[in-house]
N, C-alpha and C. Protein backbone atom coordinates (compact mmCIF):
# COMPACT_ATOMS: atom_id res chain seq x y z
N MET A 1 0.82 -1.19 0.00
CA MET A 1 0.00 0.00 0.00
C MET A 1 0.87 1.27 0.00
N LYS A 2 1.96 1.25 0.82
CA LYS A 2 2.85 2.40 0.85
C LYS A 2 3.48 2.64 -0.51
N PHE A 3 3.86 1.56 -1.18
CA PHE A 3 4.50 1.67 -2.49
C PHE A 3 3.57 2.36 -3.49
N LYS A 4 2.29 2.03 -3.46
CA LYS A 4 1.30 2.63 -4.36
C LYS A 4 1.19 4.14 -4.09
N ASN A 5 1.19 4.50 -2.82
CA ASN A 5 1.11 5.93 -2.45
C ASN A 5 2.35 6.69 -2.91
N ILE A 6 3.50 6.05 -2.82
CA ILE A 6 4.74 6.69 -3.25
C ILE A 6 4.71 6.93 -4.76
N ILE A 7 4.25 5.96 -5.51
CA ILE A 7 4.15 6.12 -6.98
C ILE A 7 3.20 7.25 -7.33
N ILE A 8 2.05 7.32 -6.66
CA ILE A 8 1.09 8.40 -6.91
C ILE A 8 1.73 9.75 -6.58
N PHE A 9 2.48 9.81 -5.50
CA PHE A 9 3.18 11.04 -5.11
C PHE A 9 4.19 11.46 -6.16
N ILE A 10 4.95 10.51 -6.67
CA ILE A 10 5.97 10.80 -7.70
C ILE A 10 5.30 11.36 -8.95
N VAL A 11 4.22 10.75 -9.39
CA VAL A 11 3.52 11.23 -10.59
C VAL A 11 2.97 12.63 -10.36
N PHE A 12 2.39 12.87 -9.20
CA PHE A 12 1.82 14.18 -8.88
C PHE A 12 2.90 15.26 -8.89
N ILE A 13 4.02 14.99 -8.23
CA ILE A 13 5.12 15.96 -8.18
C ILE A 13 5.70 16.20 -9.57
N SER A 14 5.84 15.14 -10.37
CA SER A 14 6.40 15.28 -11.72
C SER A 14 5.53 16.17 -12.59
N ILE A 15 4.23 16.02 -12.47
CA ILE A 15 3.31 16.85 -13.25
C ILE A 15 3.44 18.30 -12.82
N ASN A 16 3.54 18.56 -11.53
CA ASN A 16 3.62 19.92 -11.03
C ASN A 16 4.97 20.58 -11.26
N LEU A 17 6.01 19.80 -11.52
CA LEU A 17 7.32 20.37 -11.79
C LEU A 17 7.42 20.97 -13.18
N SER A 18 6.57 20.53 -14.09
CA SER A 18 6.64 21.07 -15.44
C SER A 18 6.19 22.54 -15.42
N ALA A 19 6.90 23.37 -16.15
CA ALA A 19 6.64 24.80 -16.14
C ALA A 19 5.39 25.14 -16.94
N HIS A 20 4.85 26.30 -16.63
CA HIS A 20 3.68 26.76 -17.37
C HIS A 20 4.12 27.58 -18.57
N THR A 21 3.28 27.59 -19.59
CA THR A 21 3.59 28.27 -20.83
C THR A 21 2.65 29.46 -21.00
N LEU A 22 3.21 30.55 -21.45
CA LEU A 22 2.43 31.77 -21.69
C LEU A 22 1.69 31.65 -23.02
N LEU A 23 0.40 31.93 -23.01
CA LEU A 23 -0.43 31.90 -24.21
C LEU A 23 -0.95 33.31 -24.48
N VAL A 24 -0.85 33.74 -25.74
CA VAL A 24 -1.27 35.09 -26.11
C VAL A 24 -2.20 35.02 -27.31
N ASP A 25 -3.35 35.67 -27.20
CA ASP A 25 -4.29 35.78 -28.31
C ASP A 25 -4.37 37.24 -28.73
N VAL A 26 -4.26 37.49 -30.03
CA VAL A 26 -4.40 38.83 -30.57
C VAL A 26 -5.64 38.81 -31.46
N ILE A 27 -6.62 39.62 -31.10
CA ILE A 27 -7.91 39.63 -31.79
C ILE A 27 -8.08 40.94 -32.54
N ASN A 28 -8.37 40.85 -33.85
CA ASN A 28 -8.64 42.03 -34.66
C ASN A 28 -10.10 42.40 -34.47
N ASN A 29 -10.35 43.57 -33.92
CA ASN A 29 -11.72 44.01 -33.64
C ASN A 29 -12.40 44.63 -34.86
N LYS A 30 -11.69 44.69 -35.99
CA LYS A 30 -12.21 45.22 -37.26
C LYS A 30 -12.60 46.68 -37.19
N ASN A 31 -12.08 47.42 -36.19
CA ASN A 31 -12.34 48.86 -36.09
C ASN A 31 -11.04 49.61 -35.78
N ASN A 32 -9.93 49.08 -36.34
CA ASN A 32 -8.59 49.62 -36.13
C ASN A 32 -8.13 49.53 -34.68
N THR A 33 -8.68 48.57 -33.94
CA THR A 33 -8.19 48.25 -32.60
C THR A 33 -7.95 46.74 -32.53
N ILE A 34 -7.07 46.37 -31.61
CA ILE A 34 -6.84 44.96 -31.34
C ILE A 34 -7.03 44.72 -29.85
N THR A 35 -7.45 43.52 -29.51
CA THR A 35 -7.55 43.10 -28.12
C THR A 35 -6.50 42.01 -27.91
N ILE A 36 -5.69 42.21 -26.91
CA ILE A 36 -4.64 41.25 -26.59
C ILE A 36 -5.00 40.60 -25.26
N LYS A 37 -5.14 39.26 -25.30
CA LYS A 37 -5.47 38.49 -24.10
C LYS A 37 -4.31 37.56 -23.80
N ALA A 38 -3.99 37.41 -22.53
CA ALA A 38 -2.87 36.54 -22.16
C ALA A 38 -3.22 35.75 -20.91
N GLN A 39 -2.75 34.52 -20.90
CA GLN A 39 -2.86 33.66 -19.72
C GLN A 39 -1.85 32.54 -19.86
N PHE A 40 -1.61 31.83 -18.77
CA PHE A 40 -0.73 30.68 -18.81
C PHE A 40 -1.56 29.45 -19.12
N ASP A 41 -0.93 28.40 -19.60
CA ASP A 41 -1.67 27.19 -19.95
C ASP A 41 -2.30 26.52 -18.73
N THR A 42 -1.96 26.99 -17.54
CA THR A 42 -2.58 26.49 -16.32
C THR A 42 -3.84 27.27 -15.98
N LYS A 43 -4.28 28.13 -16.88
CA LYS A 43 -5.45 29.01 -16.74
C LYS A 43 -5.21 30.16 -15.77
N GLN A 44 -3.97 30.32 -15.29
CA GLN A 44 -3.62 31.42 -14.42
C GLN A 44 -3.51 32.69 -15.26
N LYS A 45 -4.03 33.79 -14.76
CA LYS A 45 -3.98 35.06 -15.49
C LYS A 45 -2.55 35.57 -15.57
N ALA A 46 -2.27 36.29 -16.65
CA ALA A 46 -0.94 36.86 -16.85
C ALA A 46 -0.95 38.35 -16.53
N SER A 47 -1.73 38.72 -15.50
CA SER A 47 -1.79 40.12 -15.12
C SER A 47 -0.40 40.59 -14.67
N GLU A 48 -0.13 41.84 -14.89
CA GLU A 48 1.16 42.47 -14.59
C GLU A 48 2.24 42.14 -15.60
N ALA A 49 1.95 41.35 -16.63
CA ALA A 49 2.93 41.13 -17.70
C ALA A 49 3.04 42.44 -18.50
N MET A 50 4.24 42.73 -18.99
CA MET A 50 4.47 43.98 -19.72
C MET A 50 4.14 43.77 -21.20
N LEU A 51 3.26 44.61 -21.73
CA LEU A 51 2.88 44.58 -23.13
C LEU A 51 3.55 45.75 -23.83
N ARG A 52 4.22 45.45 -24.94
CA ARG A 52 4.86 46.49 -25.75
C ARG A 52 4.50 46.29 -27.21
N LEU A 53 4.31 47.39 -27.91
CA LEU A 53 4.23 47.36 -29.36
C LEU A 53 5.50 48.03 -29.85
N GLU A 54 6.31 47.29 -30.62
CA GLU A 54 7.58 47.80 -31.11
C GLU A 54 7.50 48.06 -32.60
N SER A 55 7.95 49.21 -33.01
CA SER A 55 7.96 49.57 -34.42
C SER A 55 8.97 48.72 -35.17
N LEU A 56 8.57 48.16 -36.29
CA LEU A 56 9.49 47.42 -37.14
C LEU A 56 10.24 48.36 -38.09
N ILE A 57 9.88 49.63 -38.06
CA ILE A 57 10.53 50.63 -38.90
C ILE A 57 11.73 51.23 -38.17
N SER A 58 11.49 51.72 -36.95
CA SER A 58 12.53 52.42 -36.20
C SER A 58 13.04 51.64 -34.99
N GLY A 59 12.30 50.64 -34.56
CA GLY A 59 12.67 49.89 -33.36
C GLY A 59 12.18 50.55 -32.08
N GLN A 60 11.52 51.68 -32.21
CA GLN A 60 11.01 52.39 -31.04
C GLN A 60 9.79 51.67 -30.45
N ILE A 61 9.55 51.94 -29.18
CA ILE A 61 8.37 51.39 -28.52
C ILE A 61 7.21 52.34 -28.79
N LEU A 62 6.18 51.80 -29.44
CA LEU A 62 5.00 52.59 -29.79
C LEU A 62 3.97 52.62 -28.67
N TYR A 63 3.96 51.58 -27.86
CA TYR A 63 2.99 51.46 -26.77
C TYR A 63 3.60 50.56 -25.71
N LYS A 64 3.39 50.92 -24.45
CA LYS A 64 3.94 50.11 -23.36
C LYS A 64 3.01 50.23 -22.15
N LYS A 65 2.55 49.08 -21.66
CA LYS A 65 1.67 49.09 -20.50
C LYS A 65 1.62 47.69 -19.90
N ARG A 66 1.45 47.61 -18.60
CA ARG A 66 1.28 46.31 -17.93
C ARG A 66 -0.17 45.86 -18.09
N LEU A 67 -0.35 44.56 -18.23
CA LEU A 67 -1.71 44.02 -18.33
C LEU A 67 -2.43 44.19 -17.00
N PRO A 68 -3.70 44.60 -17.04
CA PRO A 68 -4.45 44.71 -15.79
C PRO A 68 -4.84 43.32 -15.27
N TYR A 69 -5.57 43.29 -14.18
CA TYR A 69 -5.98 42.03 -13.55
C TYR A 69 -6.70 41.11 -14.53
N GLU A 70 -7.50 41.68 -15.43
CA GLU A 70 -8.27 40.87 -16.40
C GLU A 70 -7.38 40.21 -17.44
N SER A 71 -6.12 40.60 -17.51
CA SER A 71 -5.14 40.07 -18.45
C SER A 71 -5.51 40.31 -19.90
N GLN A 72 -6.15 41.43 -20.18
CA GLN A 72 -6.44 41.79 -21.57
C GLN A 72 -6.50 43.30 -21.71
N LEU A 73 -6.09 43.76 -22.90
CA LEU A 73 -6.12 45.18 -23.23
C LEU A 73 -6.62 45.36 -24.65
N THR A 74 -7.36 46.43 -24.88
CA THR A 74 -7.77 46.81 -26.24
C THR A 74 -7.04 48.11 -26.56
N ILE A 75 -6.31 48.10 -27.70
CA ILE A 75 -5.51 49.27 -28.07
C ILE A 75 -5.67 49.56 -29.56
N ASP A 76 -5.33 50.81 -29.92
CA ASP A 76 -5.38 51.22 -31.33
C ASP A 76 -4.25 50.56 -32.10
N ILE A 77 -4.52 50.20 -33.34
CA ILE A 77 -3.51 49.61 -34.21
C ILE A 77 -2.62 50.72 -34.78
N PRO A 78 -1.30 50.59 -34.64
CA PRO A 78 -0.40 51.60 -35.23
C PRO A 78 -0.49 51.60 -36.77
N LYS A 79 -0.13 52.72 -37.37
CA LYS A 79 -0.19 52.86 -38.83
C LYS A 79 1.06 52.28 -39.51
N GLU A 80 2.09 51.99 -38.74
CA GLU A 80 3.30 51.41 -39.30
C GLU A 80 3.44 49.97 -38.84
N GLN A 81 4.26 49.20 -39.56
CA GLN A 81 4.46 47.80 -39.20
C GLN A 81 5.04 47.70 -37.80
N TYR A 82 4.54 46.75 -37.02
CA TYR A 82 4.95 46.62 -35.62
C TYR A 82 4.88 45.15 -35.21
N GLN A 83 5.43 44.90 -34.03
CA GLN A 83 5.29 43.57 -33.44
C GLN A 83 4.79 43.73 -32.01
N ILE A 84 4.10 42.70 -31.55
CA ILE A 84 3.54 42.69 -30.20
C ILE A 84 4.48 41.86 -29.33
N VAL A 85 4.92 42.44 -28.22
CA VAL A 85 5.83 41.76 -27.30
C VAL A 85 5.14 41.69 -25.93
N LEU A 86 4.96 40.49 -25.43
CA LEU A 86 4.41 40.30 -24.10
C LEU A 86 5.49 39.66 -23.24
N ASP A 87 5.94 40.40 -22.23
CA ASP A 87 7.04 39.95 -21.37
C ASP A 87 6.49 39.64 -19.99
N ALA A 88 6.50 38.33 -19.65
CA ALA A 88 6.02 37.89 -18.33
C ALA A 88 7.19 37.50 -17.44
N GLY A 89 8.34 38.09 -17.66
CA GLY A 89 9.51 37.78 -16.83
C GLY A 89 10.27 36.59 -17.37
N GLU A 90 9.86 35.39 -16.97
CA GLU A 90 10.56 34.19 -17.41
C GLU A 90 10.24 33.84 -18.86
N GLU A 91 9.17 34.36 -19.38
CA GLU A 91 8.82 34.10 -20.77
C GLU A 91 8.52 35.41 -21.48
N GLN A 92 8.87 35.45 -22.75
CA GLN A 92 8.56 36.60 -23.59
C GLN A 92 8.07 36.07 -24.92
N ILE A 93 6.87 36.50 -25.30
CA ILE A 93 6.26 36.07 -26.55
C ILE A 93 6.24 37.27 -27.49
N VAL A 94 6.65 37.01 -28.74
CA VAL A 94 6.63 38.05 -29.76
C VAL A 94 5.72 37.58 -30.89
N LYS A 95 4.75 38.44 -31.25
CA LYS A 95 3.82 38.11 -32.34
C LYS A 95 3.82 39.25 -33.35
N GLU A 96 3.54 38.87 -34.58
CA GLU A 96 3.44 39.87 -35.65
C GLU A 96 2.19 40.72 -35.44
N GLY A 97 2.32 42.02 -35.67
CA GLY A 97 1.19 42.92 -35.50
C GLY A 97 0.18 42.81 -36.64
N ILE A 98 -1.07 43.03 -36.32
CA ILE A 98 -2.15 43.00 -37.31
C ILE A 98 -2.24 44.36 -37.98
N ALA A 99 -2.44 44.37 -39.28
CA ALA A 99 -2.50 45.63 -40.04
C ALA A 99 -3.84 46.33 -39.80
N PRO A 100 -3.83 47.67 -39.85
CA PRO A 100 -5.10 48.39 -39.76
C PRO A 100 -5.93 48.16 -41.03
N ILE A 101 -7.16 48.59 -41.02
CA ILE A 101 -8.08 48.36 -42.15
C ILE A 101 -7.50 48.91 -43.45
N GLU A 102 -6.91 50.11 -43.41
CA GLU A 102 -6.36 50.73 -44.62
C GLU A 102 -4.95 50.24 -44.95
N GLY A 103 -4.38 49.39 -44.13
CA GLY A 103 -3.04 48.85 -44.36
C GLY A 103 -1.97 49.72 -43.73
N PHE A 104 -0.75 49.21 -43.68
CA PHE A 104 0.36 49.96 -43.12
C PHE A 104 0.83 51.02 -44.12
N ASN A 105 1.30 52.16 -43.59
CA ASN A 105 1.87 53.17 -44.48
C ASN A 105 3.39 53.16 -44.46
N LYS A 106 4.01 52.39 -43.55
CA LYS A 106 5.46 52.22 -43.49
C LYS A 106 5.76 50.74 -43.26
N PHE A 107 6.85 50.26 -43.89
CA PHE A 107 7.18 48.84 -43.79
C PHE A 107 8.58 48.65 -43.21
N ALA A 108 8.82 47.48 -42.67
CA ALA A 108 10.04 47.16 -41.92
C ALA A 108 11.26 47.01 -42.80
N SER A 109 12.42 47.25 -42.18
CA SER A 109 13.70 47.00 -42.83
C SER A 109 14.41 45.86 -42.10
N LYS A 110 15.29 45.14 -42.81
CA LYS A 110 15.98 43.99 -42.22
C LYS A 110 16.88 44.40 -41.05
N GLU A 111 17.52 45.55 -41.14
CA GLU A 111 18.44 45.99 -40.08
C GLU A 111 17.71 46.15 -38.76
N VAL A 112 16.53 46.74 -38.80
CA VAL A 112 15.76 46.95 -37.56
C VAL A 112 15.23 45.62 -37.04
N LEU A 113 14.79 44.75 -37.93
CA LEU A 113 14.24 43.45 -37.51
C LEU A 113 15.24 42.64 -36.69
N GLU A 114 16.51 42.73 -37.01
CA GLU A 114 17.53 41.98 -36.30
C GLU A 114 17.75 42.49 -34.88
N LYS A 115 17.41 43.74 -34.61
CA LYS A 115 17.66 44.35 -33.30
C LYS A 115 16.46 44.23 -32.35
N LEU A 116 15.31 43.82 -32.85
CA LEU A 116 14.10 43.82 -32.03
C LEU A 116 14.02 42.62 -31.10
N SER A 117 13.04 42.66 -30.20
CA SER A 117 12.82 41.59 -29.23
C SER A 117 12.51 40.27 -29.92
N LYS A 118 12.93 39.21 -29.29
CA LYS A 118 12.69 37.85 -29.78
C LYS A 118 11.99 37.05 -28.68
N ASN A 119 11.38 35.92 -29.06
CA ASN A 119 10.78 35.04 -28.08
C ASN A 119 11.86 34.52 -27.14
N LYS A 120 11.53 34.40 -25.88
CA LYS A 120 12.49 33.83 -24.94
C LYS A 120 11.75 32.99 -23.91
N GLN A 121 12.47 32.02 -23.38
CA GLN A 121 11.98 31.20 -22.28
C GLN A 121 13.18 30.87 -21.42
N ASP A 122 13.10 31.22 -20.13
CA ASP A 122 14.20 30.91 -19.22
C ASP A 122 14.31 29.42 -18.97
N HIS A 123 13.19 28.74 -18.97
CA HIS A 123 13.23 27.30 -18.74
C HIS A 123 13.20 26.61 -20.09
N ASP A 124 13.99 25.59 -20.23
CA ASP A 124 13.95 24.82 -21.45
C ASP A 124 13.50 23.40 -21.11
N GLU A 125 13.08 22.68 -22.11
CA GLU A 125 12.52 21.35 -21.88
C GLU A 125 13.55 20.41 -21.28
N LEU A 126 14.81 20.53 -21.66
CA LEU A 126 15.84 19.67 -21.09
C LEU A 126 15.96 19.91 -19.59
N GLY A 127 15.88 21.15 -19.16
CA GLY A 127 15.96 21.47 -17.73
C GLY A 127 14.84 20.83 -16.94
N ASN A 128 13.61 20.94 -17.43
CA ASN A 128 12.46 20.32 -16.75
C ASN A 128 12.59 18.81 -16.73
N THR A 129 12.99 18.25 -17.84
CA THR A 129 13.13 16.80 -17.92
C THR A 129 14.21 16.33 -16.96
N LEU A 130 15.30 17.05 -16.89
CA LEU A 130 16.39 16.70 -15.97
C LEU A 130 15.91 16.73 -14.52
N ILE A 131 15.16 17.76 -14.15
CA ILE A 131 14.63 17.86 -12.79
C ILE A 131 13.73 16.67 -12.47
N ILE A 132 12.87 16.32 -13.40
CA ILE A 132 11.96 15.20 -13.18
C ILE A 132 12.73 13.90 -13.01
N PHE A 133 13.72 13.64 -13.87
CA PHE A 133 14.48 12.40 -13.76
C PHE A 133 15.32 12.36 -12.49
N LEU A 134 15.90 13.49 -12.09
CA LEU A 134 16.65 13.52 -10.84
C LEU A 134 15.73 13.24 -9.65
N PHE A 135 14.54 13.80 -9.67
CA PHE A 135 13.58 13.57 -8.60
C PHE A 135 13.18 12.10 -8.54
N ILE A 136 12.89 11.51 -9.69
CA ILE A 136 12.52 10.09 -9.74
C ILE A 136 13.71 9.23 -9.27
N GLY A 137 14.93 9.60 -9.68
CA GLY A 137 16.12 8.87 -9.24
C GLY A 137 16.29 8.94 -7.73
N PHE A 138 16.05 10.11 -7.16
CA PHE A 138 16.13 10.27 -5.71
C PHE A 138 15.11 9.38 -5.01
N ILE A 139 13.89 9.36 -5.51
CA ILE A 139 12.84 8.52 -4.91
C ILE A 139 13.23 7.04 -5.02
N LEU A 140 13.80 6.63 -6.16
CA LEU A 140 14.21 5.23 -6.32
C LEU A 140 15.33 4.86 -5.35
N ILE A 141 16.25 5.78 -5.09
CA ILE A 141 17.31 5.52 -4.11
C ILE A 141 16.70 5.35 -2.71
N ILE A 142 15.77 6.20 -2.36
CA ILE A 142 15.09 6.10 -1.06
C ILE A 142 14.37 4.75 -0.94
N LEU A 143 13.67 4.35 -2.02
CA LEU A 143 12.97 3.06 -2.01
C LEU A 143 13.95 1.90 -1.87
N THR A 144 15.08 1.99 -2.54
CA THR A 144 16.11 0.94 -2.45
C THR A 144 16.61 0.81 -1.02
N ILE A 145 16.89 1.93 -0.37
CA ILE A 145 17.36 1.90 1.02
C ILE A 145 16.29 1.31 1.93
N TYR A 146 15.04 1.71 1.71
CA TYR A 146 13.93 1.22 2.53
C TYR A 146 13.80 -0.30 2.42
N PHE A 147 13.73 -0.81 1.19
CA PHE A 147 13.54 -2.25 1.01
C PHE A 147 14.79 -3.04 1.44
N SER A 148 15.95 -2.45 1.27
CA SER A 148 17.19 -3.10 1.71
C SER A 148 17.19 -3.25 3.23
N ALA A 149 16.82 -2.20 3.93
CA ALA A 149 16.75 -2.25 5.40
C ALA A 149 15.71 -3.26 5.86
N LYS A 150 14.58 -3.27 5.18
CA LYS A 150 13.49 -4.21 5.52
C LYS A 150 13.97 -5.66 5.35
N ASN A 151 14.61 -5.96 4.24
CA ASN A 151 15.11 -7.32 3.99
C ASN A 151 16.25 -7.68 4.93
N THR A 152 17.09 -6.74 5.26
CA THR A 152 18.18 -6.99 6.20
C THR A 152 17.62 -7.37 7.58
N ASN A 153 16.58 -6.65 7.99
CA ASN A 153 15.94 -6.97 9.27
C ASN A 153 15.34 -8.37 9.25
N LYS A 154 14.73 -8.78 8.14
CA LYS A 154 14.18 -10.14 8.03
C LYS A 154 15.29 -11.18 8.16
N ILE A 155 16.40 -10.97 7.49
CA ILE A 155 17.52 -11.91 7.53
C ILE A 155 18.09 -12.00 8.95
N LEU A 156 18.24 -10.85 9.62
CA LEU A 156 18.75 -10.85 10.97
C LEU A 156 17.83 -11.60 11.93
N LYS A 157 16.50 -11.44 11.76
CA LYS A 157 15.53 -12.17 12.61
C LYS A 157 15.66 -13.68 12.37
N GLU A 158 15.80 -14.08 11.13
CA GLU A 158 15.94 -15.51 10.81
C GLU A 158 17.23 -16.07 11.38
N LEU A 159 18.30 -15.31 11.35
CA LEU A 159 19.57 -15.77 11.92
C LEU A 159 19.49 -15.90 13.44
N LYS A 160 18.77 -14.99 14.11
CA LYS A 160 18.61 -15.06 15.55
C LYS A 160 17.78 -16.27 15.94
N ASN A 161 16.77 -16.61 15.12
CA ASN A 161 15.90 -17.76 15.42
C ASN A 161 16.61 -19.08 15.26
N LYS A 162 17.68 -19.20 14.56
CA LYS A 162 18.38 -20.46 14.31
C LYS A 162 19.33 -20.74 15.38
């Protein structure tokens, strides 16, 4: 029975050790505004994440604001090409900006594109996998010591009885 509980505990901890992923939805409201919604894949709100609109023409920040508690903002679409950057600290998501109804009046250059924000994640899949395997290895060592001690006690009792 104890062994079953330990396995359930290991599975539960392994699932919770995996990091959450930032999800961003950009909705075209068809009135020269966009609504940006963000949350983590655990359904946790991404409030307080920093939202920036960066110009693909000059590299300047066109708009900058933290997401409110609702984790969504509606903003005007810039007239020049831009990208949407949502920075939640450990993760940063970059998405292409949606064009206004009349289209962009300025377009990006390659030099500026190379200098702009990129997607980032502080945690990588190898790191999470390594943590999970180390944790499972630690639990297996503990189980080995437990069963070894239990069997040693049985052998000692049998030797005393003879």
